[in-house]
N, C-alpha and C. Protein backbone atom coordinates (compact mmCIF):
# COMPACT_ATOMS: atom_id res chain seq x y z
N GLY A 1 0.80 -1.21 0.00
CA GLY A 1 0.00 0.00 0.00
C GLY A 1 0.83 1.26 0.00
N GLN A 2 2.14 1.19 -0.22
CA GLN A 2 2.98 2.39 -0.17
C GLN A 2 3.99 2.35 -1.31
N SER A 3 4.11 3.48 -2.01
CA SER A 3 5.10 3.60 -3.07
C SER A 3 5.95 4.83 -2.81
N ASP A 4 7.26 4.70 -2.91
CA ASP A 4 8.17 5.81 -2.71
C ASP A 4 9.01 5.97 -3.95
N PHE A 5 8.99 7.19 -4.54
CA PHE A 5 9.76 7.44 -5.75
C PHE A 5 10.03 8.93 -5.88
N SER A 6 11.01 9.25 -6.73
CA SER A 6 11.34 10.65 -7.00
C SER A 6 11.97 10.73 -8.39
N PHE A 7 11.70 11.84 -9.11
CA PHE A 7 12.29 12.07 -10.43
C PHE A 7 13.39 13.11 -10.34
N SER A 8 14.45 12.92 -11.10
CA SER A 8 15.46 13.96 -11.24
C SER A 8 14.98 14.93 -12.32
N GLN A 9 15.66 16.07 -12.47
CA GLN A 9 15.26 17.06 -13.46
C GLN A 9 15.40 16.54 -14.89
N ASN A 10 16.28 15.55 -15.13
CA ASN A 10 16.44 15.03 -16.48
C ASN A 10 15.58 13.78 -16.75
N GLY A 11 14.65 13.49 -15.85
CA GLY A 11 13.68 12.44 -16.09
C GLY A 11 14.05 11.06 -15.60
N VAL A 12 15.16 10.90 -14.86
CA VAL A 12 15.52 9.59 -14.32
C VAL A 12 14.70 9.36 -13.05
N LEU A 13 14.18 8.17 -12.91
CA LEU A 13 13.33 7.81 -11.78
C LEU A 13 14.11 6.97 -10.79
N VAL A 14 13.99 7.29 -9.49
CA VAL A 14 14.49 6.42 -8.44
C VAL A 14 13.27 5.96 -7.65
N TYR A 15 13.20 4.67 -7.32
CA TYR A 15 12.05 4.19 -6.58
C TYR A 15 12.48 3.16 -5.54
N LEU A 16 11.63 3.01 -4.54
CA LEU A 16 11.88 2.08 -3.45
C LEU A 16 11.14 0.79 -3.76
N SER A 17 11.88 -0.30 -3.86
CA SER A 17 11.30 -1.59 -4.16
C SER A 17 11.09 -2.34 -2.85
N ARG A 18 9.87 -2.73 -2.57
CA ARG A 18 9.55 -3.40 -1.31
C ARG A 18 9.79 -4.91 -1.42
N GLY A 19 10.57 -5.43 -0.50
CA GLY A 19 10.81 -6.86 -0.44
C GLY A 19 10.26 -7.41 0.86
N SER A 20 10.48 -8.68 1.11
CA SER A 20 9.94 -9.29 2.32
C SER A 20 10.66 -8.79 3.57
N ARG A 21 11.97 -8.56 3.49
CA ARG A 21 12.71 -8.12 4.67
C ARG A 21 13.44 -6.80 4.45
N SER A 22 13.85 -6.53 3.25
CA SER A 22 14.60 -5.31 2.99
C SER A 22 14.26 -4.79 1.60
N SER A 23 14.68 -3.59 1.32
CA SER A 23 14.44 -3.00 0.01
C SER A 23 15.61 -2.12 -0.36
N GLY A 24 15.85 -2.00 -1.64
CA GLY A 24 16.94 -1.19 -2.12
C GLY A 24 16.47 -0.28 -3.23
N LEU A 25 17.39 0.50 -3.80
CA LEU A 25 17.03 1.45 -4.84
C LEU A 25 17.54 1.00 -6.20
N CYS A 26 16.73 1.29 -7.21
CA CYS A 26 17.09 1.05 -8.60
C CYS A 26 16.88 2.35 -9.37
N LEU A 27 17.75 2.61 -10.35
CA LEU A 27 17.52 3.71 -11.28
C LEU A 27 16.93 3.10 -12.54
N VAL A 28 15.84 3.70 -13.01
CA VAL A 28 15.19 3.24 -14.24
C VAL A 28 14.95 4.43 -15.15
N ASP A 29 14.84 4.17 -16.46
CA ASP A 29 14.52 5.25 -17.38
C ASP A 29 13.01 5.43 -17.45
N ARG A 30 12.54 6.32 -18.31
CA ARG A 30 11.11 6.62 -18.40
C ARG A 30 10.28 5.43 -18.88
N ASN A 31 10.91 4.46 -19.53
CA ASN A 31 10.20 3.28 -20.01
C ASN A 31 10.23 2.13 -19.01
N GLY A 32 10.86 2.37 -17.85
CA GLY A 32 10.93 1.34 -16.82
C GLY A 32 12.11 0.40 -16.98
N LYS A 33 13.00 0.68 -17.95
CA LYS A 33 14.18 -0.16 -18.14
C LYS A 33 15.18 0.10 -17.02
N LEU A 34 15.66 -0.96 -16.41
CA LEU A 34 16.61 -0.87 -15.31
C LEU A 34 17.93 -0.30 -15.82
N LEU A 35 18.38 0.83 -15.21
CA LEU A 35 19.66 1.42 -15.55
C LEU A 35 20.75 0.91 -14.61
N SER A 36 20.43 0.83 -13.32
CA SER A 36 21.39 0.30 -12.36
C SER A 36 20.72 0.00 -11.03
N GLN A 37 21.29 -0.97 -10.33
CA GLN A 37 20.88 -1.30 -8.96
C GLN A 37 21.87 -0.58 -8.06
N LEU A 38 21.38 0.30 -7.19
CA LEU A 38 22.27 1.10 -6.36
C LEU A 38 22.66 0.35 -5.09
N LYS A 39 23.89 0.56 -4.66
CA LYS A 39 24.41 -0.12 -3.47
C LYS A 39 24.14 0.74 -2.23
N THR A 40 22.85 0.93 -1.94
CA THR A 40 22.48 1.79 -0.81
C THR A 40 22.21 1.01 0.46
N GLY A 41 22.09 -0.29 0.37
CA GLY A 41 21.65 -1.04 1.53
C GLY A 41 20.15 -0.91 1.69
N THR A 42 19.64 -1.27 2.84
CA THR A 42 18.21 -1.24 3.09
C THR A 42 17.70 0.18 3.26
N VAL A 43 16.64 0.52 2.55
CA VAL A 43 15.99 1.81 2.70
C VAL A 43 14.72 1.59 3.52
N SER A 44 14.56 2.37 4.61
CA SER A 44 13.42 2.12 5.48
C SER A 44 12.14 2.82 5.02
N ILE A 45 12.20 4.11 4.67
CA ILE A 45 10.98 4.82 4.31
C ILE A 45 11.13 5.66 3.05
N MET A 46 12.18 6.48 2.96
CA MET A 46 12.21 7.49 1.93
C MET A 46 13.59 7.67 1.31
N ALA A 47 13.60 7.95 0.00
CA ALA A 47 14.80 8.30 -0.74
C ALA A 47 14.44 9.44 -1.69
N THR A 48 15.31 10.46 -1.78
CA THR A 48 15.01 11.64 -2.59
C THR A 48 16.27 12.11 -3.32
N PHE A 49 16.11 12.47 -4.61
CA PHE A 49 17.20 13.05 -5.39
C PHE A 49 17.56 14.43 -4.87
N SER A 50 18.84 14.80 -4.99
CA SER A 50 19.26 16.18 -4.79
C SER A 50 18.78 16.99 -5.99
N PRO A 51 18.65 18.31 -5.86
CA PRO A 51 18.19 19.12 -7.00
C PRO A 51 19.04 18.96 -8.26
N ASP A 52 20.35 18.71 -8.12
CA ASP A 52 21.20 18.53 -9.30
C ASP A 52 21.22 17.09 -9.81
N GLY A 53 20.51 16.18 -9.12
CA GLY A 53 20.41 14.79 -9.56
C GLY A 53 21.66 13.96 -9.34
N LYS A 54 22.65 14.48 -8.60
CA LYS A 54 23.92 13.76 -8.42
C LYS A 54 23.97 12.92 -7.16
N ARG A 55 23.08 13.19 -6.22
CA ARG A 55 23.06 12.46 -4.96
C ARG A 55 21.64 12.05 -4.60
N ILE A 56 21.55 11.09 -3.70
CA ILE A 56 20.27 10.66 -3.15
C ILE A 56 20.42 10.65 -1.64
N VAL A 57 19.46 11.23 -0.94
CA VAL A 57 19.45 11.16 0.51
C VAL A 57 18.38 10.15 0.89
N LEU A 58 18.70 9.28 1.86
CA LEU A 58 17.77 8.20 2.22
C LEU A 58 17.89 7.89 3.69
N ASP A 59 16.87 7.22 4.21
CA ASP A 59 16.96 6.73 5.58
C ASP A 59 17.15 5.22 5.53
N SER A 60 18.00 4.73 6.43
CA SER A 60 18.34 3.31 6.41
C SER A 60 18.68 2.85 7.81
N TYR A 61 18.48 1.56 8.05
CA TYR A 61 18.80 0.97 9.34
C TYR A 61 20.24 0.49 9.36
N ASP A 62 20.90 0.69 10.51
CA ASP A 62 22.24 0.14 10.67
C ASP A 62 22.14 -1.27 11.27
N GLU A 63 23.28 -1.83 11.62
CA GLU A 63 23.30 -3.20 12.16
C GLU A 63 22.50 -3.34 13.45
N ALA A 64 22.41 -2.25 14.23
CA ALA A 64 21.66 -2.28 15.50
C ALA A 64 20.19 -1.94 15.30
N LYS A 65 19.74 -1.86 14.04
CA LYS A 65 18.35 -1.54 13.70
C LYS A 65 17.97 -0.12 14.09
N ASN A 66 18.95 0.79 14.10
CA ASN A 66 18.69 2.20 14.35
C ASN A 66 18.59 2.91 13.00
N SER A 67 17.56 3.72 12.83
CA SER A 67 17.35 4.42 11.57
C SER A 67 18.16 5.72 11.53
N ASP A 68 18.98 5.89 10.51
CA ASP A 68 19.76 7.10 10.31
C ASP A 68 19.64 7.56 8.87
N ILE A 69 20.15 8.76 8.60
CA ILE A 69 20.13 9.32 7.27
C ILE A 69 21.47 9.00 6.59
N TRP A 70 21.41 8.63 5.32
CA TRP A 70 22.59 8.30 4.53
C TRP A 70 22.59 9.15 3.26
N MET A 71 23.77 9.42 2.72
CA MET A 71 23.92 10.19 1.50
C MET A 71 24.61 9.30 0.46
N TYR A 72 23.93 9.12 -0.68
CA TYR A 72 24.47 8.25 -1.73
C TYR A 72 24.94 9.11 -2.91
N ASP A 73 26.22 8.98 -3.28
CA ASP A 73 26.80 9.67 -4.42
C ASP A 73 26.67 8.75 -5.63
N ILE A 74 25.86 9.16 -6.61
CA ILE A 74 25.55 8.29 -7.75
C ILE A 74 26.79 8.03 -8.59
N ALA A 75 27.56 9.06 -8.94
CA ALA A 75 28.74 8.89 -9.81
C ALA A 75 29.79 7.98 -9.18
N ARG A 76 30.00 8.12 -7.88
CA ARG A 76 31.02 7.32 -7.19
C ARG A 76 30.48 6.00 -6.66
N ASP A 77 29.14 5.79 -6.75
CA ASP A 77 28.50 4.58 -6.22
C ASP A 77 28.90 4.37 -4.76
N LEU A 78 28.77 5.46 -3.98
CA LEU A 78 29.24 5.45 -2.60
C LEU A 78 28.12 5.91 -1.66
N ASN A 79 27.82 5.11 -0.66
CA ASN A 79 26.80 5.41 0.34
C ASN A 79 27.50 5.77 1.65
N THR A 80 27.25 6.99 2.17
CA THR A 80 27.93 7.49 3.36
C THR A 80 26.90 7.84 4.44
N ARG A 81 27.18 7.40 5.64
CA ARG A 81 26.28 7.71 6.76
C ARG A 81 26.32 9.22 7.02
N PHE A 82 25.14 9.82 7.21
CA PHE A 82 25.01 11.27 7.33
C PHE A 82 24.64 11.71 8.76
N THR A 83 23.85 10.90 9.48
CA THR A 83 23.54 11.18 10.89
C THR A 83 23.98 10.00 11.74
N PHE A 84 24.26 10.29 13.03
CA PHE A 84 24.83 9.27 13.91
C PHE A 84 24.13 9.21 15.27
N ASP A 85 23.00 9.87 15.42
CA ASP A 85 22.31 9.93 16.70
C ASP A 85 21.64 8.61 17.02
N ALA A 86 21.43 8.35 18.31
CA ALA A 86 20.77 7.11 18.74
C ALA A 86 19.27 7.15 18.44
N GLY A 87 18.71 8.33 18.21
CA GLY A 87 17.30 8.44 17.87
C GLY A 87 17.04 7.97 16.46
N ALA A 88 15.76 7.78 16.13
CA ALA A 88 15.36 7.37 14.78
C ALA A 88 15.29 8.60 13.89
N ASP A 89 16.23 8.72 12.94
CA ASP A 89 16.26 9.82 11.98
C ASP A 89 15.66 9.31 10.67
N GLU A 90 14.61 9.99 10.18
CA GLU A 90 13.88 9.49 9.02
C GLU A 90 13.38 10.61 8.13
N LEU A 91 12.89 10.23 6.96
CA LEU A 91 12.22 11.10 5.99
C LEU A 91 13.04 12.32 5.59
N PRO A 92 14.22 12.12 5.01
CA PRO A 92 15.06 13.24 4.61
C PRO A 92 14.62 13.85 3.29
N ILE A 93 14.75 15.17 3.16
CA ILE A 93 14.54 15.86 1.89
C ILE A 93 15.58 16.97 1.75
N PHE A 94 15.97 17.23 0.51
CA PHE A 94 16.93 18.29 0.23
C PHE A 94 16.25 19.64 0.20
N SER A 95 17.02 20.68 0.56
CA SER A 95 16.58 22.05 0.34
C SER A 95 16.61 22.32 -1.16
N PRO A 96 15.87 23.32 -1.65
CA PRO A 96 15.85 23.60 -3.09
C PRO A 96 17.22 23.91 -3.68
N ASP A 97 18.12 24.49 -2.89
CA ASP A 97 19.47 24.78 -3.40
C ASP A 97 20.43 23.60 -3.22
N GLY A 98 19.96 22.53 -2.58
CA GLY A 98 20.77 21.33 -2.39
C GLY A 98 21.82 21.43 -1.31
N ASN A 99 21.81 22.51 -0.53
CA ASN A 99 22.85 22.71 0.49
C ASN A 99 22.51 22.13 1.85
N LYS A 100 21.24 21.84 2.10
CA LYS A 100 20.83 21.31 3.40
C LYS A 100 19.89 20.11 3.21
N VAL A 101 19.83 19.32 4.27
CA VAL A 101 18.87 18.21 4.34
C VAL A 101 18.05 18.42 5.59
N ILE A 102 16.75 18.27 5.47
CA ILE A 102 15.87 18.31 6.64
C ILE A 102 15.37 16.90 6.88
N PHE A 103 15.20 16.53 8.15
CA PHE A 103 14.71 15.20 8.48
C PHE A 103 13.96 15.24 9.81
N SER A 104 13.20 14.19 10.06
CA SER A 104 12.46 14.05 11.32
C SER A 104 13.23 13.11 12.24
N SER A 105 13.14 13.39 13.55
CA SER A 105 13.84 12.55 14.51
C SER A 105 13.09 12.55 15.85
N ASP A 106 13.14 11.40 16.53
CA ASP A 106 12.50 11.27 17.85
C ASP A 106 13.51 11.47 18.98
N ARG A 107 14.52 12.30 18.77
CA ARG A 107 15.56 12.56 19.77
C ARG A 107 14.98 13.17 21.04
N LYS A 108 13.87 13.85 20.91
CA LYS A 108 13.19 14.43 22.07
C LYS A 108 11.91 13.62 22.31
N LYS A 109 11.00 14.14 23.09
CA LYS A 109 9.79 13.38 23.43
C LYS A 109 8.91 13.13 22.21
N SER A 110 8.77 14.13 21.35
CA SER A 110 7.98 13.96 20.14
C SER A 110 8.90 13.87 18.93
N ILE A 111 8.33 13.77 17.75
CA ILE A 111 9.12 13.72 16.53
C ILE A 111 9.24 15.14 15.99
N ASP A 112 10.49 15.64 15.97
CA ASP A 112 10.77 17.02 15.60
C ASP A 112 11.58 17.09 14.31
N LEU A 113 11.77 18.32 13.81
CA LEU A 113 12.52 18.54 12.58
C LEU A 113 13.92 19.06 12.87
N PHE A 114 14.89 18.54 12.13
CA PHE A 114 16.29 18.95 12.24
C PHE A 114 16.84 19.19 10.84
N THR A 115 17.86 20.05 10.73
CA THR A 115 18.55 20.27 9.47
C THR A 115 20.04 20.02 9.65
N LYS A 116 20.69 19.72 8.51
CA LYS A 116 22.13 19.53 8.53
C LYS A 116 22.68 19.93 7.17
N ASP A 117 23.85 20.61 7.16
CA ASP A 117 24.50 20.97 5.91
C ASP A 117 24.91 19.70 5.17
N VAL A 118 24.79 19.73 3.84
CA VAL A 118 25.12 18.58 3.02
C VAL A 118 26.58 18.17 3.14
N SER A 119 27.44 19.13 3.45
CA SER A 119 28.86 18.80 3.62
C SER A 119 29.06 17.74 4.70
N GLY A 120 28.13 17.66 5.66
CA GLY A 120 28.22 16.68 6.74
C GLY A 120 29.19 17.07 7.84
N VAL A 121 29.87 18.19 7.69
CA VAL A 121 30.87 18.61 8.67
C VAL A 121 30.22 19.14 9.94
N SER A 122 29.18 19.96 9.80
CA SER A 122 28.54 20.55 10.98
C SER A 122 27.55 19.58 11.61
N LYS A 123 27.21 19.85 12.87
CA LYS A 123 26.25 19.04 13.60
C LYS A 123 24.83 19.40 13.17
N GLU A 124 23.90 18.50 13.40
CA GLU A 124 22.50 18.77 13.08
C GLU A 124 21.99 19.93 13.94
N GLU A 125 21.07 20.71 13.39
CA GLU A 125 20.45 21.82 14.12
C GLU A 125 18.96 21.56 14.26
N PHE A 126 18.45 21.83 15.46
CA PHE A 126 17.01 21.74 15.70
C PHE A 126 16.32 22.83 14.90
N LEU A 127 15.25 22.48 14.16
CA LEU A 127 14.53 23.46 13.35
C LEU A 127 13.16 23.78 13.93
N TYR A 128 12.39 22.73 14.25
CA TYR A 128 11.03 22.95 14.72
C TYR A 128 10.55 21.73 15.50
N GLY A 129 9.76 22.00 16.53
CA GLY A 129 9.15 20.93 17.30
C GLY A 129 7.86 21.38 17.94
N SER A 130 7.04 20.43 18.30
CA SER A 130 5.78 20.69 19.00
C SER A 130 5.41 19.39 19.72
N PRO A 131 4.36 19.39 20.51
CA PRO A 131 3.95 18.13 21.16
C PRO A 131 3.47 17.07 20.16
N LEU A 132 3.23 17.47 18.91
CA LEU A 132 2.76 16.54 17.88
C LEU A 132 3.96 15.92 17.17
N ASP A 133 3.70 14.91 16.35
CA ASP A 133 4.73 14.30 15.51
C ASP A 133 4.78 15.06 14.19
N ASN A 134 5.95 15.59 13.84
CA ASN A 134 6.12 16.45 12.67
C ASN A 134 7.01 15.80 11.63
N PHE A 135 6.52 15.73 10.39
CA PHE A 135 7.28 15.14 9.29
C PHE A 135 7.26 16.11 8.11
N ALA A 136 8.41 16.60 7.69
CA ALA A 136 8.49 17.47 6.51
C ALA A 136 8.39 16.60 5.26
N THR A 137 7.52 16.98 4.32
CA THR A 137 7.36 16.19 3.11
C THR A 137 7.73 16.93 1.84
N SER A 138 7.83 18.27 1.89
CA SER A 138 8.20 19.03 0.70
C SER A 138 8.69 20.42 1.10
N TRP A 139 9.74 20.88 0.43
CA TRP A 139 10.30 22.21 0.65
C TRP A 139 9.83 23.08 -0.51
N SER A 140 9.33 24.28 -0.22
CA SER A 140 8.85 25.15 -1.29
C SER A 140 10.00 25.50 -2.23
N PRO A 141 9.71 25.70 -3.54
CA PRO A 141 10.78 25.95 -4.51
C PRO A 141 11.68 27.14 -4.17
N GLU A 142 11.12 28.18 -3.53
CA GLU A 142 11.94 29.34 -3.18
C GLU A 142 12.62 29.17 -1.83
N GLY A 143 12.33 28.06 -1.13
CA GLY A 143 13.01 27.73 0.12
C GLY A 143 12.50 28.43 1.36
N LYS A 144 11.32 29.06 1.29
CA LYS A 144 10.84 29.84 2.42
C LYS A 144 9.85 29.11 3.32
N SER A 145 9.39 27.93 2.93
CA SER A 145 8.43 27.21 3.76
C SER A 145 8.50 25.71 3.50
N LEU A 146 7.92 24.97 4.44
CA LEU A 146 7.87 23.51 4.35
C LEU A 146 6.43 23.04 4.46
N LEU A 147 6.12 21.94 3.80
CA LEU A 147 4.86 21.25 4.04
C LEU A 147 5.12 20.19 5.09
N LEU A 148 4.26 20.14 6.10
CA LEU A 148 4.39 19.17 7.18
C LEU A 148 3.20 18.23 7.21
N SER A 149 3.47 16.96 7.40
CA SER A 149 2.44 16.01 7.79
C SER A 149 2.56 15.90 9.30
N VAL A 150 1.49 16.22 10.01
CA VAL A 150 1.51 16.29 11.47
C VAL A 150 0.48 15.32 12.03
N ARG A 151 0.91 14.57 13.07
CA ARG A 151 0.00 13.61 13.70
C ARG A 151 0.04 13.81 15.20
N GLY A 152 -1.13 13.73 15.81
CA GLY A 152 -1.15 13.87 17.26
C GLY A 152 -2.54 13.92 17.83
N PRO A 153 -2.65 14.16 19.15
CA PRO A 153 -3.93 14.20 19.83
C PRO A 153 -4.85 15.26 19.22
N PRO A 154 -6.16 15.16 19.36
CA PRO A 154 -6.80 14.17 20.22
C PRO A 154 -7.06 12.83 19.55
N LYS A 155 -7.17 12.77 18.22
CA LYS A 155 -7.58 11.53 17.57
C LYS A 155 -6.46 10.83 16.81
N MET A 156 -5.23 11.31 16.93
CA MET A 156 -4.09 10.73 16.24
C MET A 156 -4.28 10.71 14.73
N GLN A 157 -4.92 11.75 14.22
CA GLN A 157 -5.10 11.86 12.78
C GLN A 157 -4.00 12.73 12.18
N TRP A 158 -3.84 12.62 10.88
CA TRP A 158 -2.84 13.38 10.14
C TRP A 158 -3.46 14.64 9.58
N ASP A 159 -2.72 15.75 9.67
CA ASP A 159 -3.13 17.02 9.08
C ASP A 159 -1.96 17.57 8.27
N LEU A 160 -2.30 18.44 7.32
CA LEU A 160 -1.30 19.06 6.46
C LEU A 160 -1.13 20.52 6.86
N LEU A 161 0.09 20.91 7.22
CA LEU A 161 0.39 22.26 7.66
C LEU A 161 1.48 22.88 6.80
N LEU A 162 1.49 24.21 6.74
CA LEU A 162 2.55 24.96 6.08
C LEU A 162 3.39 25.62 7.17
N LEU A 163 4.69 25.37 7.18
CA LEU A 163 5.58 25.95 8.18
C LEU A 163 6.47 26.99 7.53
N PRO A 164 6.26 28.31 7.84
CA PRO A 164 7.18 29.33 7.35
C PRO A 164 8.55 29.14 8.00
N LEU A 165 9.61 29.34 7.25
CA LEU A 165 10.96 29.16 7.77
C LEU A 165 11.59 30.46 8.23
N THR A 166 10.84 31.54 8.17
CA THR A 166 11.30 32.84 8.67
C THR A 166 10.32 33.33 9.72
N GLY A 167 10.72 34.31 10.50
CA GLY A 167 9.85 34.84 11.54
C GLY A 167 9.70 33.88 12.70
N GLU A 168 8.50 33.80 13.25
CA GLU A 168 8.29 32.97 14.43
C GLU A 168 8.02 31.50 14.13
N LYS A 169 8.01 31.12 12.87
CA LYS A 169 7.83 29.72 12.47
C LYS A 169 6.56 29.12 13.07
N LYS A 170 5.45 29.81 12.89
CA LYS A 170 4.16 29.31 13.38
C LYS A 170 3.43 28.60 12.24
N PRO A 171 3.11 27.30 12.40
CA PRO A 171 2.47 26.54 11.32
C PRO A 171 1.08 27.09 10.96
N ILE A 172 0.77 27.00 9.67
CA ILE A 172 -0.52 27.43 9.15
C ILE A 172 -1.25 26.20 8.63
N PRO A 173 -2.47 25.91 9.14
CA PRO A 173 -3.22 24.74 8.65
C PRO A 173 -3.57 24.89 7.16
N LEU A 174 -3.30 23.86 6.38
CA LEU A 174 -3.69 23.83 4.96
C LEU A 174 -4.84 22.87 4.72
N ALA A 175 -4.76 21.70 5.31
CA ALA A 175 -5.83 20.70 5.20
C ALA A 175 -5.94 20.04 6.57
N GLN A 176 -7.01 20.39 7.27
CA GLN A 176 -7.18 19.94 8.66
C GLN A 176 -8.66 19.62 8.85
N THR A 177 -9.01 18.35 8.66
CA THR A 177 -10.41 17.92 8.75
C THR A 177 -10.51 16.72 9.68
N GLU A 178 -11.67 16.11 9.71
CA GLU A 178 -11.85 14.90 10.51
C GLU A 178 -11.16 13.70 9.86
N PHE A 179 -10.69 13.88 8.62
CA PHE A 179 -10.02 12.81 7.90
C PHE A 179 -8.50 13.00 7.96
N ASN A 180 -7.77 12.06 7.39
CA ASN A 180 -6.32 12.16 7.32
C ASN A 180 -5.90 12.90 6.06
N GLU A 181 -5.01 13.89 6.20
CA GLU A 181 -4.38 14.57 5.08
C GLU A 181 -2.88 14.53 5.30
N TRP A 182 -2.13 14.05 4.32
CA TRP A 182 -0.70 13.90 4.52
C TRP A 182 0.06 13.87 3.21
N TRP A 183 1.39 13.76 3.29
CA TRP A 183 2.29 13.65 2.15
C TRP A 183 2.08 14.75 1.13
N GLY A 184 2.05 15.99 1.60
CA GLY A 184 1.92 17.12 0.69
C GLY A 184 3.19 17.35 -0.12
N THR A 185 3.01 17.80 -1.36
CA THR A 185 4.13 18.10 -2.26
C THR A 185 3.83 19.38 -3.02
N PHE A 186 4.79 20.31 -3.03
CA PHE A 186 4.64 21.53 -3.82
C PHE A 186 4.79 21.24 -5.30
N SER A 187 4.04 21.98 -6.12
CA SER A 187 4.28 21.94 -7.57
C SER A 187 5.60 22.67 -7.85
N PRO A 188 6.24 22.42 -9.00
CA PRO A 188 7.53 23.05 -9.30
C PRO A 188 7.51 24.58 -9.25
N ASP A 189 6.34 25.21 -9.55
CA ASP A 189 6.26 26.67 -9.48
C ASP A 189 5.82 27.17 -8.12
N GLY A 190 5.53 26.24 -7.17
CA GLY A 190 5.15 26.62 -5.82
C GLY A 190 3.72 27.12 -5.66
N ARG A 191 2.91 27.11 -6.71
CA ARG A 191 1.54 27.64 -6.66
C ARG A 191 0.53 26.61 -6.15
N TRP A 192 0.84 25.33 -6.26
CA TRP A 192 -0.11 24.28 -5.91
C TRP A 192 0.51 23.30 -4.93
N VAL A 193 -0.36 22.59 -4.23
CA VAL A 193 0.05 21.52 -3.33
C VAL A 193 -0.80 20.30 -3.64
N ALA A 194 -0.16 19.17 -3.87
CA ALA A 194 -0.86 17.90 -4.01
C ALA A 194 -0.66 17.13 -2.72
N TYR A 195 -1.69 16.43 -2.27
CA TYR A 195 -1.57 15.65 -1.04
C TYR A 195 -2.51 14.47 -1.06
N GLN A 196 -2.28 13.56 -0.13
CA GLN A 196 -3.08 12.36 -0.01
C GLN A 196 -4.11 12.55 1.09
N SER A 197 -5.31 12.06 0.88
CA SER A 197 -6.35 12.14 1.91
C SER A 197 -7.20 10.89 1.90
């Protein structure tokens, strides 16, 4: 019941193939022809192309079954661990300029948002948190806001919020009903949002 995929700007597709115990990434062309099987190891939830299409950021389990963020360099066929915290780090996405990665982590009581420079040299920075579980699903093309899938009390339902990245960073409800709304994605021009409900 779940499909994870992303397109690069030149039309190459990366998708998550679900297996019985683990899953990996394959690059395919527009006709579905296999271009290569990537040596990323097990992908737990999400994999996303960098804006220039040269890297993929993904979440993966290590030997101790801890979820961390990894950075895969396509040209060098090299997968490098990007986060090292004991908490579960998941759902990474690149900033529009490709210089940062945002991800969700349960390092605190709830699931909060953190960012880290792509260079990997600096430590992760706390970006946003609340008593609810927060998952960033799309960064606006101009880089000024995020779409969040948020889950929490009273009914543990999912809502779609817009989080401004400047000012006081107060979330704005976009789709908040008695039903579940999640996995929002900005259109390339930033004028529209597609989401699941």
